[in-house]
Amino acid sequence: MSQLRDLVAAELRHPVSPQVSAMAAAIAARHGAASRAVLFYGSCLREQQLDGLMLDFYLIVADYRSAYGKRWLAAANRVLPPNVFPFEHGGLRAKYAVLSEADFHRLNGPETRSVSVWARFAQPSRLVWSSDIAAEARAVAAVARAAPTLLSAALASLPNDQPPLELWRAAFALTYSAELRAEKKGRAGSVVDADPERYRRFTAPALAAARAESRRRHAGWPRRRVEGKALSVLRLAKATATYAGGADYIVWKINRHAGTDFQLKPWQRRWPILAALTLAPRLLKSKAIR
């Protein structure tokens, strides 16, 4: 695990643009002393021109109660993590998800069947801001759990003798099938193809760590798909309460990734939680999300 942790630590320290660093610091400042780390992830990592894009961050906090002024937000984050919020800074737009240090560690590991965190952090990310050395170390340790968790779960359902890049592509394809996703088919492959050498470097140490966790494998991808899609609907519904203009954002993201042209009706903007719940079956039927 030490070799993998070294790879993760080096990757997390890769520099980012000053705009991204400034936004991460502003996100941390919004939650005061509760903030422990801010990670930057997603497709924008590979972009030089950030104008007009939606940046993705995770804010890691000490605990939910100290992160919020409102008790209901802390309760929502604890019961159905993460909470997601919009953010603007320096002319750029972003959204950030909030997890406690304990939940970030847990959701990157084999303790959970939910793919939403470990599937993302098995991919490249950047630790853009941390409150101190201890917070940085905890973030590195949590992220280092993600790739072994992904491969361990995937190998329970995949041939174990695949070439490295094919293994990663197939593993990510499994995770995409366990969430509501608006991206077109082939997205899982493009994640790996964007930096194949990175995945080759990570394969051996991640597999070694995955074997150490093999006793905790779950061969239940059908169950993951059912649970994951249900969780996705619940999180979308919750986001309409925490995310200003949440229903509009959801439709914008689906249209952007799926090439569709869904339009919200006035009543759906007035009742965003109901809109999220009623839109999901229609989007599934049209295959705008899968």
C-alpha atoms as a PDB file:
ATOM      1  CA  MET A   1       0.000   0.000   0.000  1.00  0.00           C
ATOM      2  CA  SER A   2       2.949   2.342   0.602  1.00  0.00           C
ATOM      3  CA  GLN A   3       3.888   2.347  -3.107  1.00  0.00           C
ATOM      4  CA  LEU A   4       0.313   3.155  -4.054  1.00  0.00           C
ATOM      5  CA  ARG A   5       0.081   5.841  -1.398  1.00  0.00           C
ATOM      6  CA  ASP A   6       3.265   7.438  -2.744  1.00  0.00           C
ATOM      7  CA  LEU A   7       1.782   7.488  -6.259  1.00  0.00           C
ATOM      8  CA  VAL A   8      -1.439   9.015  -4.964  1.00  0.00           C
ATOM      9  CA  ALA A   9       0.388  11.624  -2.884  1.00  0.00           C
ATOM     10  CA  ALA A  10       2.507  12.681  -5.864  1.00  0.00           C
ATOM     11  CA  GLU A  11      -0.528  12.910  -8.127  1.00  0.00           C
ATOM     12  CA  LEU A  12      -2.550  14.908  -5.614  1.00  0.00           C
ATOM     13  CA  ARG A  13       0.285  17.444  -5.380  1.00  0.00           C
ATOM     14  CA  HIS A  14       0.392  18.181  -9.116  1.00  0.00           C
ATOM     15  CA  PRO A  15      -0.018  21.933  -9.637  1.00  0.00           C
ATOM     16  CA  VAL A  16      -3.282  23.457 -10.802  1.00  0.00           C
ATOM     17  CA  SER A  17      -4.072  26.865 -12.235  1.00  0.00           C
ATOM     18  CA  PRO A  18      -4.106  29.842  -9.843  1.00  0.00           C
ATOM     19  CA  GLN A  19      -7.831  30.231 -10.580  1.00  0.00           C
ATOM     20  CA  VAL A  20      -8.530  26.719  -9.305  1.00  0.00           C
ATOM     21  CA  SER A  21      -6.399  27.286  -6.203  1.00  0.00           C
ATOM     22  CA  ALA A  22      -8.194  30.549  -5.454  1.00  0.00           C
ATOM     23  CA  MET A  23     -11.595  28.919  -5.851  1.00  0.00           C
ATOM     24  CA  ALA A  24     -10.628  26.037  -3.557  1.00  0.00           C
ATOM     25  CA  ALA A  25      -9.464  28.458  -0.873  1.00  0.00           C
ATOM     26  CA  ALA A  26     -12.717  30.409  -1.194  1.00  0.00           C
ATOM     27  CA  ILE A  27     -14.763  27.215  -0.819  1.00  0.00           C
ATOM     28  CA  ALA A  28     -12.810  26.318   2.319  1.00  0.00           C
ATOM     29  CA  ALA A  29     -13.293  29.824   3.719  1.00  0.00           C
ATOM     30  CA  ARG A  30     -17.053  29.508   3.270  1.00  0.00           C
ATOM     31  CA  HIS A  31     -17.124  26.758   5.905  1.00  0.00           C
ATOM     32  CA  GLY A  32     -14.548  28.239   8.251  1.00  0.00           C
ATOM     33  CA  ALA A  33     -12.647  26.153  10.768  1.00  0.00           C
ATOM     34  CA  ALA A  34     -14.597  23.009   9.817  1.00  0.00           C
ATOM     35  CA  SER A  35     -12.769  22.834   6.466  1.00  0.00           C
ATOM     36  CA  ARG A  36     -10.010  20.235   6.288  1.00  0.00           C
ATOM     37  CA  ALA A  37      -9.260  19.696   2.591  1.00  0.00           C
ATOM     38  CA  VAL A  38     -10.467  20.619  -0.888  1.00  0.00           C
ATOM     39  CA  LEU A  39      -9.981  18.247  -3.818  1.00  0.00           C
ATOM     40  CA  PHE A  40     -10.394  19.106  -7.491  1.00  0.00           C
ATOM     41  CA  TYR A  41     -11.500  16.302  -9.799  1.00  0.00           C
ATOM     42  CA  GLY A  42     -13.348  15.540 -13.009  1.00  0.00           C
ATOM     43  CA  SER A  43     -12.963  16.323 -16.687  1.00  0.00           C
ATOM     44  CA  CYS A  44     -11.886  19.926 -16.031  1.00  0.00           C
ATOM     45  CA  LEU A  45      -8.552  18.585 -14.746  1.00  0.00           C
ATOM     46  CA  ARG A  46      -7.605  18.084 -18.380  1.00  0.00           C
ATOM     47  CA  GLU A  47      -8.758  21.508 -19.564  1.00  0.00           C
ATOM     48  CA  GLN A  48      -6.580  24.588 -19.958  1.00  0.00           C
ATOM     49  CA  GLN A  49      -9.446  26.969 -20.720  1.00  0.00           C
ATOM     50  CA  LEU A  50     -11.884  26.908 -17.800  1.00  0.00           C
ATOM     51  CA  ASP A  51     -14.242  29.710 -18.826  1.00  0.00           C
ATOM     52  CA  GLY A  52     -17.767  28.436 -19.374  1.00  0.00           C
ATOM     53  CA  LEU A  53     -17.094  25.099 -17.675  1.00  0.00           C
ATOM     54  CA  MET A  54     -18.464  23.709 -14.416  1.00  0.00           C
ATOM     55  CA  LEU A  55     -15.576  22.803 -12.107  1.00  0.00           C
ATOM     56  CA  ASP A  56     -15.956  19.948  -9.622  1.00  0.00           C
ATOM     57  CA  PHE A  57     -14.652  19.949  -6.055  1.00  0.00           C
ATOM     58  CA  TYR A  58     -15.001  17.929  -2.881  1.00  0.00           C
ATOM     59  CA  LEU A  59     -14.801  19.801   0.412  1.00  0.00           C
ATOM     60  CA  ILE A  60     -13.743  17.576   3.303  1.00  0.00           C
ATOM     61  CA  VAL A  61     -14.814  18.836   6.719  1.00  0.00           C
ATOM     62  CA  ALA A  62     -14.071  17.813  10.284  1.00  0.00           C
ATOM     63  CA  ASP A  63     -17.753  17.149  10.980  1.00  0.00           C
ATOM     64  CA  TYR A  64     -21.091  18.230   9.554  1.00  0.00           C
ATOM     65  CA  ARG A  65     -22.433  20.100  12.556  1.00  0.00           C
ATOM     66  CA  SER A  66     -19.515  22.537  12.611  1.00  0.00           C
ATOM     67  CA  ALA A  67     -19.626  22.960   8.813  1.00  0.00           C
ATOM     68  CA  TYR A  68     -23.125  24.443   8.712  1.00  0.00           C
ATOM     69  CA  GLY A  69     -25.117  27.122  10.418  1.00  0.00           C
ATOM     70  CA  LYS A  70     -28.317  25.153   9.796  1.00  0.00           C
ATOM     71  CA  ARG A  71     -28.956  21.858  11.545  1.00  0.00           C
ATOM     72  CA  TRP A  72     -31.027  20.452   8.685  1.00  0.00           C
ATOM     73  CA  LEU A  73     -28.089  20.742   6.298  1.00  0.00           C
ATOM     74  CA  ALA A  74     -25.884  18.807   8.720  1.00  0.00           C
ATOM     75  CA  ALA A  75     -28.589  16.158   9.101  1.00  0.00           C
ATOM     76  CA  ALA A  76     -29.080  15.866   5.329  1.00  0.00           C
ATOM     77  CA  ASN A  77     -25.337  15.474   4.810  1.00  0.00           C
ATOM     78  CA  ARG A  78     -25.109  12.812   7.495  1.00  0.00           C
ATOM     79  CA  VAL A  79     -28.132  10.779   6.331  1.00  0.00           C
ATOM     80  CA  LEU A  80     -27.509  10.944   2.560  1.00  0.00           C
ATOM     81  CA  PRO A  81     -23.982  12.170   1.822  1.00  0.00           C
ATOM     82  CA  PRO A  82     -22.821  14.282   0.158  1.00  0.00           C
ATOM     83  CA  ASN A  83     -24.521  17.669   0.091  1.00  0.00           C
ATOM     84  CA  VAL A  84     -23.819  19.555  -3.146  1.00  0.00           C
ATOM     85  CA  PHE A  85     -23.676  23.338  -3.545  1.00  0.00           C
ATOM     86  CA  PRO A  86     -23.083  25.764  -6.427  1.00  0.00           C
ATOM     87  CA  PHE A  87     -20.215  28.228  -6.190  1.00  0.00           C
ATOM     88  CA  GLU A  88     -18.825  31.112  -8.209  1.00  0.00           C
ATOM     89  CA  HIS A  89     -15.468  32.798  -7.769  1.00  0.00           C
ATOM     90  CA  GLY A  90     -13.184  34.821 -10.002  1.00  0.00           C
ATOM     91  CA  GLY A  91     -15.520  34.533 -12.966  1.00  0.00           C
ATOM     92  CA  LEU A  92     -15.627  30.722 -12.827  1.00  0.00           C
ATOM     93  CA  ARG A  93     -18.491  28.427 -11.881  1.00  0.00           C
ATOM     94  CA  ALA A  94     -18.242  25.260  -9.821  1.00  0.00           C
ATOM     95  CA  LYS A  95     -20.138  22.835  -7.705  1.00  0.00           C
ATOM     96  CA  TYR A  96     -18.726  21.251  -4.603  1.00  0.00           C
ATOM     97  CA  ALA A  97     -19.746  18.218  -2.587  1.00  0.00           C
ATOM     98  CA  VAL A  98     -19.270  18.070   1.176  1.00  0.00           C
ATOM     99  CA  LEU A  99     -18.111  15.001   3.101  1.00  0.00           C
ATOM    100  CA  SER A 100     -16.719  14.584   6.581  1.00  0.00           C
ATOM    101  CA  GLU A 101     -13.236  13.100   6.942  1.00  0.00           C
ATOM    102  CA  ALA A 102     -14.803   9.940   8.356  1.00  0.00           C
ATOM    103  CA  ASP A 103     -17.274   9.577   5.476  1.00  0.00           C
ATOM    104  CA  PHE A 104     -14.616  10.354   2.866  1.00  0.00           C
ATOM    105  CA  HIS A 105     -12.448   7.560   4.262  1.00  0.00           C
ATOM    106  CA  ARG A 106     -15.370   5.120   4.444  1.00  0.00           C
ATOM    107  CA  LEU A 107     -16.845   5.913   1.017  1.00  0.00           C
ATOM    108  CA  ASN A 108     -13.476   5.372  -0.683  1.00  0.00           C
ATOM    109  CA  GLY A 109     -13.266   1.855   0.730  1.00  0.00           C
ATOM    110  CA  PRO A 110     -14.860  -1.585   0.428  1.00  0.00           C
ATOM    111  CA  GLU A 111     -17.134  -0.908   3.396  1.00  0.00           C
ATOM    112  CA  THR A 112     -19.687   0.560   0.992  1.00  0.00           C
ATOM    113  CA  ARG A 113     -21.349  -0.810  -2.130  1.00  0.00           C
ATOM    114  CA  SER A 114     -21.994   2.729  -3.357  1.00  0.00           C
ATOM    115  CA  VAL A 115     -19.597   3.539  -6.198  1.00  0.00           C
ATOM    116  CA  SER A 116     -20.085   7.303  -6.233  1.00  0.00           C
ATOM    117  CA  VAL A 117     -16.930   8.269  -4.323  1.00  0.00           C
ATOM    118  CA  TRP A 118     -14.425   5.495  -4.972  1.00  0.00           C
ATOM    119  CA  ALA A 119     -15.194   5.425  -8.699  1.00  0.00           C
ATOM    120  CA  ARG A 120     -14.330   9.121  -8.918  1.00  0.00           C
ATOM    121  CA  PHE A 121     -11.197   9.025  -6.794  1.00  0.00           C
ATOM    122  CA  ALA A 122      -9.801   5.985  -8.569  1.00  0.00           C
ATOM    123  CA  GLN A 123      -9.359   8.598 -11.314  1.00  0.00           C
ATOM    124  CA  PRO A 124      -6.887  11.505 -11.137  1.00  0.00           C
ATOM    125  CA  SER A 125      -7.600  14.306  -8.682  1.00  0.00           C
ATOM    126  CA  ARG A 126      -5.740  17.164  -7.023  1.00  0.00           C
ATOM    127  CA  LEU A 127      -5.491  18.154  -3.381  1.00  0.00           C
ATOM    128  CA  VAL A 128      -5.706  21.896  -3.909  1.00  0.00           C
ATOM    129  CA  TRP A 129      -6.106  23.082  -0.323  1.00  0.00           C
ATOM    130  CA  SER A 130      -5.612  21.558   3.130  1.00  0.00           C
ATOM    131  CA  SER A 131      -5.812  23.038   6.594  1.00  0.00           C
ATOM    132  CA  ASP A 132      -2.645  21.345   7.878  1.00  0.00           C
ATOM    133  CA  ILE A 133      -0.290  18.404   7.360  1.00  0.00           C
ATOM    134  CA  ALA A 134      -2.560  16.015   9.247  1.00  0.00           C
ATOM    135  CA  ALA A 135      -5.513  16.897   6.999  1.00  0.00           C
ATOM    136  CA  GLU A 136      -3.343  16.352   3.922  1.00  0.00           C
ATOM    137  CA  ALA A 137      -2.214  12.943   5.183  1.00  0.00           C
ATOM    138  CA  ARG A 138      -5.791  11.851   5.887  1.00  0.00           C
ATOM    139  CA  ALA A 139      -6.901  12.941   2.424  1.00  0.00           C
ATOM    140  CA  VAL A 140      -4.053  11.004   0.793  1.00  0.00           C
ATOM    141  CA  ALA A 141      -4.858   7.896   2.843  1.00  0.00           C
ATOM    142  CA  ALA A 142      -8.534   8.072   1.880  1.00  0.00           C
ATOM    143  CA  VAL A 143      -7.886   8.570  -1.845  1.00  0.00           C
ATOM    144  CA  ALA A 144      -5.356   5.711  -1.829  1.00  0.00           C
ATOM    145  CA  ARG A 145      -8.215   3.366  -0.921  1.00  0.00           C
ATOM    146  CA  ALA A 146     -10.228   4.162  -4.050  1.00  0.00           C
ATOM    147  CA  ALA A 147      -8.357   2.326  -6.820  1.00  0.00           C
ATOM    148  CA  PRO A 148      -7.988  -0.947  -4.871  1.00  0.00           C
ATOM    149  CA  THR A 149     -11.675  -0.805  -3.964  1.00  0.00           C
ATOM    150  CA  LEU A 150     -12.616  -0.322  -7.618  1.00  0.00           C
ATOM    151  CA  LEU A 151     -10.436  -3.169  -8.872  1.00  0.00           C
ATOM    152  CA  SER A 152     -11.388  -5.539  -6.061  1.00  0.00           C
ATOM    153  CA  ALA A 153     -15.091  -5.007  -6.729  1.00  0.00           C
ATOM    154  CA  ALA A 154     -14.637  -5.258 -10.506  1.00  0.00           C
ATOM    155  CA  LEU A 155     -12.532  -8.421 -10.424  1.00  0.00           C
ATOM    156  CA  ALA A 156     -15.344 -10.220  -8.640  1.00  0.00           C
ATOM    157  CA  SER A 157     -17.286  -9.964 -11.925  1.00  0.00           C
ATOM    158  CA  LEU A 158     -14.580  -9.692 -14.597  1.00  0.00           C
ATOM    159  CA  PRO A 159     -11.947 -12.050 -16.033  1.00  0.00           C
ATOM    160  CA  ASN A 160      -8.809 -11.702 -13.926  1.00  0.00           C
ATOM    161  CA  ASP A 161      -6.383 -11.996 -16.859  1.00  0.00           C
ATOM    162  CA  GLN A 162      -7.297  -8.848 -18.811  1.00  0.00           C
ATOM    163  CA  PRO A 163      -4.599  -6.432 -20.000  1.00  0.00           C
ATOM    164  CA  PRO A 164      -4.275  -3.506 -17.573  1.00  0.00           C
ATOM    165  CA  LEU A 165      -6.030  -0.842 -19.629  1.00  0.00           C
ATOM    166  CA  GLU A 166      -8.886  -3.178 -20.538  1.00  0.00           C
ATOM    167  CA  LEU A 167      -9.309  -3.982 -16.861  1.00  0.00           C
ATOM    168  CA  TRP A 168      -9.609  -0.295 -15.951  1.00  0.00           C
ATOM    169  CA  ARG A 169     -12.036   0.374 -18.819  1.00  0.00           C
ATOM    170  CA  ALA A 170     -14.235  -2.542 -17.816  1.00  0.00           C
ATOM    171  CA  ALA A 171     -14.089  -1.565 -14.148  1.00  0.00           C
ATOM    172  CA  PHE A 172     -15.195   2.004 -14.841  1.00  0.00           C
ATOM    173  CA  ALA A 173     -17.933   0.728 -17.164  1.00  0.00           C
ATOM    174  CA  LEU A 174     -19.312  -1.299 -14.255  1.00  0.00           C
ATOM    175  CA  THR A 175     -19.371   1.776 -12.028  1.00  0.00           C
ATOM    176  CA  TYR A 176     -21.094   3.864 -14.693  1.00  0.00           C
ATOM    177  CA  SER A 177     -23.807   1.213 -14.864  1.00  0.00           C
ATOM    178  CA  ALA A 178     -24.389   1.576 -11.118  1.00  0.00           C
ATOM    179  CA  GLU A 179     -25.370   5.259 -11.233  1.00  0.00           C
ATOM    180  CA  LEU A 180     -27.716   7.441 -13.230  1.00  0.00           C
ATOM    181  CA  ARG A 181     -25.359   8.841 -15.855  1.00  0.00           C
ATOM    182  CA  ALA A 182     -26.018  11.325 -18.648  1.00  0.00           C
ATOM    183  CA  GLU A 183     -22.746  10.663 -20.465  1.00  0.00           C
ATOM    184  CA  LYS A 184     -22.793   8.854 -23.777  1.00  0.00           C
ATOM    185  CA  LYS A 185     -21.593   5.269 -24.128  1.00  0.00           C
ATOM    186  CA  GLY A 186     -17.822   4.996 -24.248  1.00  0.00           C
ATOM    187  CA  ARG A 187     -17.252   7.507 -21.482  1.00  0.00           C
ATOM    188  CA  ALA A 188     -15.617   4.864 -19.266  1.00  0.00           C
ATOM    189  CA  GLY A 189     -13.061   4.149 -21.975  1.00  0.00           C
ATOM    190  CA  SER A 190     -12.311   7.810 -22.573  1.00  0.00           C
ATOM    191  CA  VAL A 191     -11.442   8.273 -18.889  1.00  0.00           C
ATOM    192  CA  VAL A 192      -8.640   5.718 -19.241  1.00  0.00           C
ATOM    193  CA  ASP A 193      -7.592   6.827 -22.723  1.00  0.00           C
ATOM    194  CA  ALA A 194      -7.055  10.384 -21.482  1.00  0.00           C
ATOM    195  CA  ASP A 195      -3.972   9.217 -19.523  1.00  0.00           C
ATOM    196  CA  PRO A 196      -3.179   5.540 -20.187  1.00  0.00           C
ATOM    197  CA  GLU A 197       0.314   5.746 -18.699  1.00  0.00           C
ATOM    198  CA  ARG A 198      -1.166   6.861 -15.402  1.00  0.00           C
ATOM    199  CA  TYR A 199      -3.346   3.759 -15.249  1.00  0.00           C
ATOM    200  CA  ARG A 200      -0.446   1.503 -16.202  1.00  0.00           C
ATOM    201  CA  ARG A 201       1.588   2.938 -13.296  1.00  0.00           C
ATOM    202  CA  PHE A 202      -1.255   2.411 -10.870  1.00  0.00           C
ATOM    203  CA  THR A 203      -2.167  -1.133 -11.943  1.00  0.00           C
ATOM    204  CA  ALA A 204       0.356  -3.267 -10.022  1.00  0.00           C
ATOM    205  CA  PRO A 205       0.228  -1.424  -6.674  1.00  0.00           C
ATOM    206  CA  ALA A 206      -3.556  -1.073  -6.847  1.00  0.00           C
ATOM    207  CA  LEU A 207      -3.969  -4.785  -7.596  1.00  0.00           C
ATOM    208  CA  ALA A 208      -1.649  -5.683  -4.722  1.00  0.00           C
ATOM    209  CA  ALA A 209      -3.768  -3.633  -2.352  1.00  0.00           C
ATOM    210  CA  ALA A 210      -6.949  -5.062  -3.894  1.00  0.00           C
ATOM    211  CA  ARG A 211      -5.782  -8.615  -3.209  1.00  0.00           C
ATOM    212  CA  ALA A 212      -5.243  -7.688   0.420  1.00  0.00           C
ATOM    213  CA  GLU A 213      -8.902  -6.621   0.492  1.00  0.00           C
ATOM    214  CA  SER A 214     -10.175  -9.590  -1.538  1.00  0.00           C
ATOM    215  CA  ARG A 215     -11.857 -11.105   1.511  1.00  0.00           C
ATOM    216  CA  ARG A 216     -14.196  -8.102   1.455  1.00  0.00           C
ATOM    217  CA  ARG A 217     -15.213  -8.392  -2.187  1.00  0.00           C
ATOM    218  CA  HIS A 218     -18.867  -8.153  -3.056  1.00  0.00           C
ATOM    219  CA  ALA A 219     -19.933  -9.897  -6.256  1.00  0.00           C
ATOM    220  CA  GLY A 220     -23.245  -8.054  -6.291  1.00  0.00           C
ATOM    221  CA  TRP A 221     -23.147  -5.701  -9.264  1.00  0.00           C
ATOM    222  CA  PRO A 222     -26.869  -6.238 -10.005  1.00  0.00           C
ATOM    223  CA  ARG A 223     -27.590  -5.131  -6.438  1.00  0.00           C
ATOM    224  CA  ARG A 224     -25.180  -2.219  -6.833  1.00  0.00           C
ATOM    225  CA  ARG A 225     -27.045  -1.098  -9.957  1.00  0.00           C
ATOM    226  CA  VAL A 226     -30.423  -1.116  -8.250  1.00  0.00           C
ATOM    227  CA  GLU A 227     -29.165   0.592  -5.098  1.00  0.00           C
ATOM    228  CA  GLY A 228     -26.949   3.018  -6.986  1.00  0.00           C
ATOM    229  CA  LYS A 229     -29.663   4.276  -9.299  1.00  0.00           C
ATOM    230  CA  ALA A 230     -32.078   4.637  -6.380  1.00  0.00           C
ATOM    231  CA  LEU A 231     -29.458   6.618  -4.452  1.00  0.00           C
ATOM    232  CA  SER A 232     -28.863   8.782  -7.523  1.00  0.00           C
ATOM    233  CA  VAL A 233     -32.553   9.716  -7.667  1.00  0.00           C
ATOM    234  CA  LEU A 234     -32.608  10.514  -3.940  1.00  0.00           C
ATOM    235  CA  ARG A 235     -29.457  12.631  -4.236  1.00  0.00           C
ATOM    236  CA  LEU A 236     -30.889  14.509  -7.202  1.00  0.00           C
ATOM    237  CA  ALA A 237     -34.024  15.225  -5.202  1.00  0.00           C
ATOM    238  CA  LYS A 238     -31.972  16.384  -2.217  1.00  0.00           C
ATOM    239  CA  ALA A 239     -29.775  18.575  -4.426  1.00  0.00           C
ATOM    240  CA  THR A 240     -32.808  20.580  -5.469  1.00  0.00           C
ATOM    241  CA  ALA A 241     -33.077  21.715  -1.835  1.00  0.00           C
ATOM    242  CA  THR A 242     -29.378  22.469  -1.251  1.00  0.00           C
ATOM    243  CA  TYR A 243     -28.527  23.679  -4.757  1.00  0.00           C
ATOM    244  CA  ALA A 244     -29.969  27.032  -5.867  1.00  0.00           C
ATOM    245  CA  GLY A 245     -31.504  26.432  -9.282  1.00  0.00           C
ATOM    246  CA  GLY A 246     -30.915  22.731  -8.747  1.00  0.00           C
ATOM    247  CA  ALA A 247     -33.563  21.517 -11.183  1.00  0.00           C
ATOM    248  CA  ASP A 248     -32.182  23.792 -13.914  1.00  0.00           C
ATOM    249  CA  TYR A 249     -28.664  22.521 -13.235  1.00  0.00           C
ATOM    250  CA  ILE A 250     -29.743  18.887 -13.458  1.00  0.00           C
ATOM    251  CA  VAL A 251     -31.452  19.442 -16.816  1.00  0.00           C
ATOM    252  CA  TRP A 252     -28.499  21.506 -18.096  1.00  0.00           C
ATOM    253  CA  LYS A 253     -26.069  18.733 -17.226  1.00  0.00           C
ATOM    254  CA  ILE A 254     -28.208  16.058 -18.863  1.00  0.00           C
ATOM    255  CA  ASN A 255     -28.642  18.129 -22.030  1.00  0.00           C
ATOM    256  CA  ARG A 256     -24.910  18.866 -22.164  1.00  0.00           C
ATOM    257  CA  HIS A 257     -23.772  15.263 -21.801  1.00  0.00           C
ATOM    258  CA  ALA A 258     -26.594  13.438 -23.578  1.00  0.00           C
ATOM    259  CA  GLY A 259     -27.201  15.904 -26.427  1.00  0.00           C
ATOM    260  CA  THR A 260     -30.861  16.275 -25.479  1.00  0.00           C
ATOM    261  CA  ASP A 261     -33.039  19.378 -25.203  1.00  0.00           C
ATOM    262  CA  PHE A 262     -35.217  18.889 -22.147  1.00  0.00           C
ATOM    263  CA  GLN A 263     -36.920  22.051 -20.900  1.00  0.00           C
ATOM    264  CA  LEU A 264     -38.327  22.641 -17.435  1.00  0.00           C
ATOM    265  CA  LYS A 265     -41.905  23.763 -17.002  1.00  0.00           C
ATOM    266  CA  PRO A 266     -42.709  26.615 -14.590  1.00  0.00           C
ATOM    267  CA  TRP A 267     -44.246  24.264 -12.011  1.00  0.00           C
ATOM    268  CA  GLN A 268     -41.068  22.161 -12.015  1.00  0.00           C
ATOM    269  CA  ARG A 269     -39.025  25.197 -11.014  1.00  0.00           C
ATOM    270  CA  ARG A 270     -41.490  25.978  -8.223  1.00  0.00           C
ATOM    271  CA  TRP A 271     -41.435  22.405  -6.931  1.00  0.00           C
ATOM    272  CA  PRO A 272     -37.886  21.180  -7.671  1.00  0.00           C
ATOM    273  CA  ILE A 273     -37.957  18.057  -5.482  1.00  0.00           C
ATOM    274  CA  LEU A 274     -41.128  16.838  -7.190  1.00  0.00           C
ATOM    275  CA  ALA A 275     -39.568  17.782 -10.539  1.00  0.00           C
ATOM    276  CA  ALA A 276     -36.508  15.632  -9.861  1.00  0.00           C
ATOM    277  CA  LEU A 277     -38.643  12.641  -8.898  1.00  0.00           C
ATOM    278  CA  THR A 278     -40.964  12.977 -11.908  1.00  0.00           C
ATOM    279  CA  LEU A 279     -38.194  13.678 -14.422  1.00  0.00           C
ATOM    280  CA  ALA A 280     -36.212  10.545 -13.576  1.00  0.00           C
ATOM    281  CA  PRO A 281     -38.617   7.998 -15.200  1.00  0.00           C
ATOM    282  CA  ARG A 282     -38.947  10.162 -18.327  1.00  0.00           C
ATOM    283  CA  LEU A 283     -35.180  10.535 -18.656  1.00  0.00           C
ATOM    284  CA  LEU A 284     -34.651   6.813 -18.174  1.00  0.00           C
ATOM    285  CA  LYS A 285     -37.283   5.968 -20.780  1.00  0.00           C
ATOM    286  CA  SER A 286     -35.662   8.297 -23.317  1.00  0.00           C
ATOM    287  CA  LYS A 287     -32.206   6.914 -22.399  1.00  0.00           C
ATOM    288  CA  ALA A 288     -30.941  10.435 -21.705  1.00  0.00           C
ATOM    289  CA  ILE A 289     -29.710   8.876 -18.485  1.00  0.00           C
ATOM    290  CA  ARG A 290     -28.896   5.211 -17.923  1.00  0.00           C
END
